[in-house]
C-alpha atoms as a PDB file:
ATOM      1  CA  UNK A   1     -65.127 136.216 -21.128  1.00  0.00           C
ATOM      2  CA  UNK A   2     -62.619 133.719 -22.013  1.00  0.00           C
ATOM      3  CA  UNK A   3     -63.500 130.575 -24.438  1.00  0.00           C
ATOM      4  CA  UNK A   4     -62.443 127.084 -24.605  1.00  0.00           C
ATOM      5  CA  UNK A   5     -63.114 124.011 -27.199  1.00  0.00           C
ATOM      6  CA  UNK A   6     -63.984 120.813 -25.365  1.00  0.00           C
ATOM      7  CA  UNK A   7     -63.435 117.545 -27.273  1.00  0.00           C
ATOM      8  CA  UNK A   8     -65.431 114.711 -26.091  1.00  0.00           C
ATOM      9  CA  UNK A   9     -64.538 110.976 -26.883  1.00  0.00           C
ATOM     10  CA  UNK A  10     -68.168 110.023 -26.689  1.00  0.00           C
ATOM     11  CA  UNK A  11     -71.592 111.680 -27.066  1.00  0.00           C
ATOM     12  CA  UNK A  12     -72.585 109.311 -23.943  1.00  0.00           C
ATOM     13  CA  UNK A  13     -70.232 111.605 -21.821  1.00  0.00           C
ATOM     14  CA  UNK A  14     -72.053 114.874 -23.173  1.00  0.00           C
ATOM     15  CA  UNK A  15     -75.278 113.231 -22.075  1.00  0.00           C
ATOM     16  CA  UNK A  16     -74.108 112.749 -18.431  1.00  0.00           C
ATOM     17  CA  UNK A  17     -72.965 116.426 -18.567  1.00  0.00           C
ATOM     18  CA  UNK A  18     -76.187 117.241 -19.388  1.00  0.00           C
ATOM     19  CA  UNK A  19     -77.950 115.381 -16.921  1.00  0.00           C
ATOM     20  CA  UNK A  20     -75.756 116.012 -13.764  1.00  0.00           C
ATOM     21  CA  UNK A  21     -74.344 119.414 -14.782  1.00  0.00           C
ATOM     22  CA  UNK A  22     -70.784 118.349 -14.444  1.00  0.00           C
ATOM     23  CA  UNK A  23     -67.658 117.991 -16.651  1.00  0.00           C
ATOM     24  CA  UNK A  24     -64.178 116.243 -16.164  1.00  0.00           C
ATOM     25  CA  UNK A  25     -61.373 116.593 -18.586  1.00  0.00           C
ATOM     26  CA  UNK A  26     -57.787 114.917 -18.805  1.00  0.00           C
ATOM     27  CA  UNK A  27     -55.089 115.903 -16.242  1.00  0.00           C
ATOM     28  CA  UNK A  28     -53.725 118.525 -18.458  1.00  0.00           C
ATOM     29  CA  UNK A  29     -57.016 119.718 -19.442  1.00  0.00           C
ATOM     30  CA  UNK A  30     -58.648 120.250 -15.835  1.00  0.00           C
ATOM     31  CA  UNK A  31     -55.279 121.992 -15.089  1.00  0.00           C
ATOM     32  CA  UNK A  32     -55.740 124.515 -17.838  1.00  0.00           C
ATOM     33  CA  UNK A  33     -59.475 125.122 -17.424  1.00  0.00           C
ATOM     34  CA  UNK A  34     -59.065 125.508 -13.563  1.00  0.00           C
ATOM     35  CA  UNK A  35     -56.146 127.853 -13.829  1.00  0.00           C
ATOM     36  CA  UNK A  36     -58.259 129.908 -16.230  1.00  0.00           C
ATOM     37  CA  UNK A  37     -61.247 129.942 -13.746  1.00  0.00           C
ATOM     38  CA  UNK A  38     -59.143 130.976 -11.228  1.00  0.00           C
ATOM     39  CA  UNK A  39     -57.565 133.852 -13.121  1.00  0.00           C
ATOM     40  CA  UNK A  40     -60.961 134.964 -14.452  1.00  0.00           C
ATOM     41  CA  UNK A  41     -62.770 135.292 -10.966  1.00  0.00           C
ATOM     42  CA  UNK A  42     -65.099 138.248 -10.754  1.00  0.00           C
ATOM     43  CA  UNK A  43     -63.626 139.107 -14.343  1.00  0.00           C
ATOM     44  CA  UNK A  44     -65.876 137.421 -16.504  1.00  0.00           C
ATOM     45  CA  UNK A  45     -67.499 133.783 -17.359  1.00  0.00           C
ATOM     46  CA  UNK A  46     -65.606 130.793 -18.831  1.00  0.00           C
ATOM     47  CA  UNK A  47     -67.583 129.617 -21.818  1.00  0.00           C
ATOM     48  CA  UNK A  48     -67.108 126.021 -23.272  1.00  0.00           C
ATOM     49  CA  UNK A  49     -67.861 124.868 -26.769  1.00  0.00           C
ATOM     50  CA  UNK A  50     -68.589 121.014 -27.020  1.00  0.00           C
ATOM     51  CA  UNK A  51     -67.839 118.693 -30.014  1.00  0.00           C
ATOM     52  CA  UNK A  52     -67.528 114.919 -30.072  1.00  0.00           C
ATOM     53  CA  UNK A  53     -64.483 113.579 -31.701  1.00  0.00           C
ATOM     54  CA  UNK A  54     -65.058 112.851 -35.278  1.00  0.00           C
ATOM     55  CA  UNK A  55     -68.864 113.768 -35.392  1.00  0.00           C
ATOM     56  CA  UNK A  56     -68.525 116.572 -37.856  1.00  0.00           C
ATOM     57  CA  UNK A  57     -70.211 119.161 -35.583  1.00  0.00           C
ATOM     58  CA  UNK A  58     -70.459 120.988 -32.405  1.00  0.00           C
ATOM     59  CA  UNK A  59     -73.076 119.939 -29.987  1.00  0.00           C
ATOM     60  CA  UNK A  60     -73.590 122.762 -27.308  1.00  0.00           C
ATOM     61  CA  UNK A  61     -71.986 125.409 -25.265  1.00  0.00           C
ATOM     62  CA  UNK A  62     -71.804 125.595 -21.237  1.00  0.00           C
ATOM     63  CA  UNK A  63     -70.427 127.951 -18.736  1.00  0.00           C
ATOM     64  CA  UNK A  64     -67.892 126.750 -16.334  1.00  0.00           C
ATOM     65  CA  UNK A  65     -69.343 127.329 -12.759  1.00  0.00           C
ATOM     66  CA  UNK A  66     -66.597 126.296 -10.465  1.00  0.00           C
ATOM     67  CA  UNK A  67     -62.899 125.428 -10.077  1.00  0.00           C
ATOM     68  CA  UNK A  68     -62.007 121.807 -10.513  1.00  0.00           C
ATOM     69  CA  UNK A  69     -62.347 119.706  -7.569  1.00  0.00           C
ATOM     70  CA  UNK A  70     -59.462 117.431  -7.530  1.00  0.00           C
ATOM     71  CA  UNK A  71     -60.741 115.394  -4.620  1.00  0.00           C
ATOM     72  CA  UNK A  72     -63.796 114.378  -6.325  1.00  0.00           C
ATOM     73  CA  UNK A  73     -64.377 111.997  -9.242  1.00  0.00           C
ATOM     74  CA  UNK A  74     -67.631 110.784 -10.972  1.00  0.00           C
ATOM     75  CA  UNK A  75     -68.285 107.382 -11.824  1.00  0.00           C
ATOM     76  CA  UNK A  76     -70.775 108.199 -14.413  1.00  0.00           C
ATOM     77  CA  UNK A  77     -68.515 108.821 -17.235  1.00  0.00           C
ATOM     78  CA  UNK A  78     -67.881 106.028 -20.338  1.00  0.00           C
ATOM     79  CA  UNK A  79     -64.476 105.605 -18.997  1.00  0.00           C
ATOM     80  CA  UNK A  80     -62.981 105.689 -15.569  1.00  0.00           C
ATOM     81  CA  UNK A  81     -59.964 107.557 -15.999  1.00  0.00           C
ATOM     82  CA  UNK A  82     -61.417 111.019 -15.978  1.00  0.00           C
ATOM     83  CA  UNK A  83     -60.526 112.177 -12.347  1.00  0.00           C
ATOM     84  CA  UNK A  84     -61.715 115.637 -10.638  1.00  0.00           C
ATOM     85  CA  UNK A  85     -65.225 117.167 -11.628  1.00  0.00           C
ATOM     86  CA  UNK A  86     -66.557 120.713 -11.824  1.00  0.00           C
ATOM     87  CA  UNK A  87     -69.846 122.199 -12.381  1.00  0.00           C
ATOM     88  CA  UNK A  88     -71.135 123.523 -15.683  1.00  0.00           C
ATOM     89  CA  UNK A  89     -74.579 125.188 -16.646  1.00  0.00           C
ATOM     90  CA  UNK A  90     -75.634 124.643 -20.391  1.00  0.00           C
ATOM     91  CA  UNK A  91     -76.415 127.461 -22.213  1.00  0.00           C
ATOM     92  CA  UNK A  92     -77.153 126.002 -25.934  1.00  0.00           C
ATOM     93  CA  UNK A  93     -77.754 122.428 -26.779  1.00  0.00           C
ATOM     94  CA  UNK A  94     -77.911 122.153 -30.786  1.00  0.00           C
ATOM     95  CA  UNK A  95     -76.052 120.548 -33.562  1.00  0.00           C
ATOM     96  CA  UNK A  96     -73.990 123.065 -35.727  1.00  0.00           C
ATOM     97  CA  UNK A  97     -72.061 121.506 -38.596  1.00  0.00           C
ATOM     98  CA  UNK A  98     -68.526 122.014 -38.833  1.00  0.00           C
ATOM     99  CA  UNK A  99     -69.093 123.654 -42.277  1.00  0.00           C
ATOM    100  CA  UNK A 100     -70.606 126.620 -40.390  1.00  0.00           C
ATOM    101  CA  UNK A 101     -67.621 127.361 -38.089  1.00  0.00           C
ATOM    102  CA  UNK A 102     -64.733 126.147 -40.041  1.00  0.00           C
ATOM    103  CA  UNK A 103     -63.927 129.768 -41.343  1.00  0.00           C
ATOM    104  CA  UNK A 104     -63.163 130.896 -37.785  1.00  0.00           C
ATOM    105  CA  UNK A 105     -59.296 130.402 -37.133  1.00  0.00           C
ATOM    106  CA  UNK A 106     -57.430 129.766 -34.191  1.00  0.00           C
ATOM    107  CA  UNK A 107     -54.283 131.796 -34.460  1.00  0.00           C
ATOM    108  CA  UNK A 108     -52.817 130.463 -31.551  1.00  0.00           C
ATOM    109  CA  UNK A 109     -53.163 127.019 -32.867  1.00  0.00           C
ATOM    110  CA  UNK A 110     -51.150 127.489 -36.312  1.00  0.00           C
ATOM    111  CA  UNK A 111     -53.941 129.608 -37.673  1.00  0.00           C
ATOM    112  CA  UNK A 112     -55.982 126.022 -38.081  1.00  0.00           C
ATOM    113  CA  UNK A 113     -59.951 126.182 -38.275  1.00  0.00           C
ATOM    114  CA  UNK A 114     -61.581 125.922 -34.772  1.00  0.00           C
ATOM    115  CA  UNK A 115     -63.121 122.778 -36.225  1.00  0.00           C
ATOM    116  CA  UNK A 116     -59.381 121.298 -35.958  1.00  0.00           C
ATOM    117  CA  UNK A 117     -58.989 122.265 -32.209  1.00  0.00           C
ATOM    118  CA  UNK A 118     -57.961 119.824 -29.608  1.00  0.00           C
ATOM    119  CA  UNK A 119     -59.453 119.300 -26.260  1.00  0.00           C
ATOM    120  CA  UNK A 120     -59.337 122.706 -23.984  1.00  0.00           C
ATOM    121  CA  UNK A 121     -57.906 124.717 -26.812  1.00  0.00           C
ATOM    122  CA  UNK A 122     -58.232 128.418 -25.776  1.00  0.00           C
ATOM    123  CA  UNK A 123     -59.927 130.828 -28.332  1.00  0.00           C
ATOM    124  CA  UNK A 124     -58.905 134.344 -28.469  1.00  0.00           C
ATOM    125  CA  UNK A 125     -61.729 136.866 -27.776  1.00  0.00           C
ATOM    126  CA  UNK A 126     -62.702 137.550 -31.360  1.00  0.00           C
ATOM    127  CA  UNK A 127     -63.220 133.972 -32.444  1.00  0.00           C
ATOM    128  CA  UNK A 128     -64.871 133.076 -29.272  1.00  0.00           C
ATOM    129  CA  UNK A 129     -67.264 135.961 -29.653  1.00  0.00           C
ATOM    130  CA  UNK A 130     -68.014 134.628 -33.298  1.00  0.00           C
ATOM    131  CA  UNK A 131     -68.477 131.147 -32.071  1.00  0.00           C
ATOM    132  CA  UNK A 132     -71.187 132.321 -29.323  1.00  0.00           C
ATOM    133  CA  UNK A 133     -72.676 134.377 -32.103  1.00  0.00           C
ATOM    134  CA  UNK A 134     -73.320 131.577 -34.312  1.00  0.00           C
ATOM    135  CA  UNK A 135     -74.233 129.451 -31.425  1.00  0.00           C
ATOM    136  CA  UNK A 136     -77.048 132.091 -30.840  1.00  0.00           C
ATOM    137  CA  UNK A 137     -78.173 132.616 -34.310  1.00  0.00           C
ATOM    138  CA  UNK A 138     -77.871 129.048 -35.735  1.00  0.00           C
ATOM    139  CA  UNK A 139     -81.263 127.691 -36.392  1.00  0.00           C
ATOM    140  CA  UNK A 140     -80.483 124.016 -35.874  1.00  0.00           C
ATOM    141  CA  UNK A 141     -83.218 121.070 -36.114  1.00  0.00           C
ATOM    142  CA  UNK A 142     -81.307 118.479 -34.343  1.00  0.00           C
ATOM    143  CA  UNK A 143     -79.571 118.185 -31.012  1.00  0.00           C
ATOM    144  CA  UNK A 144     -78.130 115.400 -28.346  1.00  0.00           C
ATOM    145  CA  UNK A 145     -81.674 115.964 -26.399  1.00  0.00           C
ATOM    146  CA  UNK A 146     -83.358 114.293 -29.407  1.00  0.00           C
ATOM    147  CA  UNK A 147     -81.516 111.206 -28.166  1.00  0.00           C
ATOM    148  CA  UNK A 148     -81.817 111.722 -24.446  1.00  0.00           C
ATOM    149  CA  UNK A 149     -84.106 108.896 -23.873  1.00  0.00           C
ATOM    150  CA  UNK A 150     -81.557 106.504 -25.520  1.00  0.00           C
ATOM    151  CA  UNK A 151     -78.795 107.495 -23.431  1.00  0.00           C
ATOM    152  CA  UNK A 152     -80.651 107.288 -20.231  1.00  0.00           C
ATOM    153  CA  UNK A 153     -81.684 103.682 -21.353  1.00  0.00           C
ATOM    154  CA  UNK A 154     -78.127 103.025 -22.203  1.00  0.00           C
ATOM    155  CA  UNK A 155     -76.758 104.435 -18.984  1.00  0.00           C
ATOM    156  CA  UNK A 156     -79.094 102.020 -16.945  1.00  0.00           C
ATOM    157  CA  UNK A 157     -77.806  98.987 -19.059  1.00  0.00           C
ATOM    158  CA  UNK A 158     -74.264  99.894 -18.492  1.00  0.00           C
ATOM    159  CA  UNK A 159     -74.688 100.376 -14.766  1.00  0.00           C
ATOM    160  CA  UNK A 160     -76.591  97.097 -13.845  1.00  0.00           C
ATOM    161  CA  UNK A 161     -73.678  96.544 -11.352  1.00  0.00           C
ATOM    162  CA  UNK A 162     -75.654  99.383  -9.208  1.00  0.00           C
ATOM    163  CA  UNK A 163     -72.773 101.663  -8.454  1.00  0.00           C
ATOM    164  CA  UNK A 164     -74.394 105.031  -8.116  1.00  0.00           C
ATOM    165  CA  UNK A 165     -72.758 108.226  -9.418  1.00  0.00           C
ATOM    166  CA  UNK A 166     -70.863 110.411  -6.980  1.00  0.00           C
ATOM    167  CA  UNK A 167     -72.675 113.352  -7.979  1.00  0.00           C
ATOM    168  CA  UNK A 168     -76.426 113.685  -7.934  1.00  0.00           C
ATOM    169  CA  UNK A 169     -78.542 114.198 -10.987  1.00  0.00           C
ATOM    170  CA  UNK A 170     -80.305 117.374 -11.929  1.00  0.00           C
ATOM    171  CA  UNK A 171     -82.833 118.436 -14.608  1.00  0.00           C
ATOM    172  CA  UNK A 172     -81.635 118.247 -18.382  1.00  0.00           C
ATOM    173  CA  UNK A 173     -84.263 121.000 -19.100  1.00  0.00           C
ATOM    174  CA  UNK A 174     -81.622 123.619 -20.359  1.00  0.00           C
ATOM    175  CA  UNK A 175     -81.066 125.080 -23.615  1.00  0.00           C
ATOM    176  CA  UNK A 176     -80.894 128.214 -24.661  1.00  0.00           C
ATOM    177  CA  UNK A 177     -80.418 131.935 -23.667  1.00  0.00           C
ATOM    178  CA  UNK A 178     -80.673 135.103 -25.353  1.00  0.00           C
ATOM    179  CA  UNK A 179     -77.104 137.085 -25.396  1.00  0.00           C
ATOM    180  CA  UNK A 180     -78.777 139.997 -27.289  1.00  0.00           C
ATOM    181  CA  UNK A 181     -81.333 142.105 -24.888  1.00  0.00           C
ATOM    182  CA  UNK A 182     -83.820 142.682 -27.800  1.00  0.00           C
ATOM    183  CA  UNK A 183     -83.667 139.728 -30.053  1.00  0.00           C
ATOM    184  CA  UNK A 184     -86.253 136.729 -29.595  1.00  0.00           C
ATOM    185  CA  UNK A 185     -84.700 133.167 -28.675  1.00  0.00           C
ATOM    186  CA  UNK A 186     -84.036 130.762 -31.397  1.00  0.00           C
ATOM    187  CA  UNK A 187     -86.840 128.817 -32.687  1.00  0.00           C
ATOM    188  CA  UNK A 188     -85.178 125.642 -32.307  1.00  0.00           C
ATOM    189  CA  UNK A 189     -84.568 125.563 -28.595  1.00  0.00           C
ATOM    190  CA  UNK A 190     -86.917 125.310 -25.545  1.00  0.00           C
ATOM    191  CA  UNK A 191     -87.296 128.140 -22.681  1.00  0.00           C
ATOM    192  CA  UNK A 192     -84.443 130.370 -21.942  1.00  0.00           C
ATOM    193  CA  UNK A 193     -82.400 130.141 -18.891  1.00  0.00           C
ATOM    194  CA  UNK A 194     -82.116 133.689 -18.525  1.00  0.00           C
ATOM    195  CA  UNK A 195     -78.351 133.715 -18.542  1.00  0.00           C
ATOM    196  CA  UNK A 196     -76.703 137.262 -19.412  1.00  0.00           C
ATOM    197  CA  UNK A 197     -74.148 136.790 -21.844  1.00  0.00           C
ATOM    198  CA  UNK A 198     -71.668 139.745 -22.553  1.00  0.00           C
ATOM    199  CA  UNK A 199     -70.162 139.477 -26.188  1.00  0.00           C
ATOM    200  CA  UNK A 200     -67.747 142.397 -25.651  1.00  0.00           C
ATOM    201  CA  UNK A 201     -65.842 141.078 -22.634  1.00  0.00           C
ATOM    202  CA  UNK A 202     -62.895 138.987 -21.657  1.00  0.00           C
ATOM    203  CA  UNK A 203     -59.520 138.175 -23.040  1.00  0.00           C
ATOM    204  CA  UNK A 204     -57.973 135.039 -23.851  1.00  0.00           C
ATOM    205  CA  UNK A 205     -54.308 133.671 -23.683  1.00  0.00           C
ATOM    206  CA  UNK A 206     -52.357 131.305 -25.873  1.00  0.00           C
ATOM    207  CA  UNK A 207     -52.637 127.544 -24.689  1.00  0.00           C
ATOM    208  CA  UNK A 208     -51.479 124.243 -26.087  1.00  0.00           C
ATOM    209  CA  UNK A 209     -53.886 121.470 -27.287  1.00  0.00           C
ATOM    210  CA  UNK A 210     -53.975 118.116 -25.306  1.00  0.00           C
ATOM    211  CA  UNK A 211     -56.232 115.991 -26.867  1.00  0.00           C
ATOM    212  CA  UNK A 212     -57.502 114.414 -30.037  1.00  0.00           C
ATOM    213  CA  UNK A 213     -57.802 116.746 -33.332  1.00  0.00           C
ATOM    214  CA  UNK A 214     -61.168 116.621 -35.159  1.00  0.00           C
ATOM    215  CA  UNK A 215     -61.515 114.374 -38.207  1.00  0.00           C
ATOM    216  CA  UNK A 216     -62.715 116.802 -41.041  1.00  0.00           C
END
């Protein structure tokens, strides 16, 4: 497996990702993720750890399912500048405070805490697996799903011009999976989606950051 940090400008965009099972990054970020996906074909999954800028927490983890389609863009994002789109499958949706993750260091980013990562920062396998372990084990009481209805209503208000998204909606009923064969699912999430996660696979390569750093 390979692991990347995703920094979103707004919670609205994370809501759209959950709702439509898609994501888009900057031009640099899309190229980096697309390259990793193609290099990892048939070798292991690409996992994405999401955090909204200056939020003070990570909000979920998704798996990248397709390469970037540079010929398609979605109109659902808060800003129109995101070009290209790729499919994702959300695995964990939960708020994890930065304090639970700050001890994880990113040696390929000047040994900074993972909470100070830029968008599409790749994590080496060891910190990536540690992030995955914490996402599975942490008992969160809050998530963006708590505010899903609010963001749905705001989306309607923001799109009264009648422009439809270029990618159709799917159900946001995601949320958890069990990476350990004999452990129960976290009590704070709903039903598992039966994704198998291998905590022992994959290798990561160094990559530079491209977006904003997290404000501690």
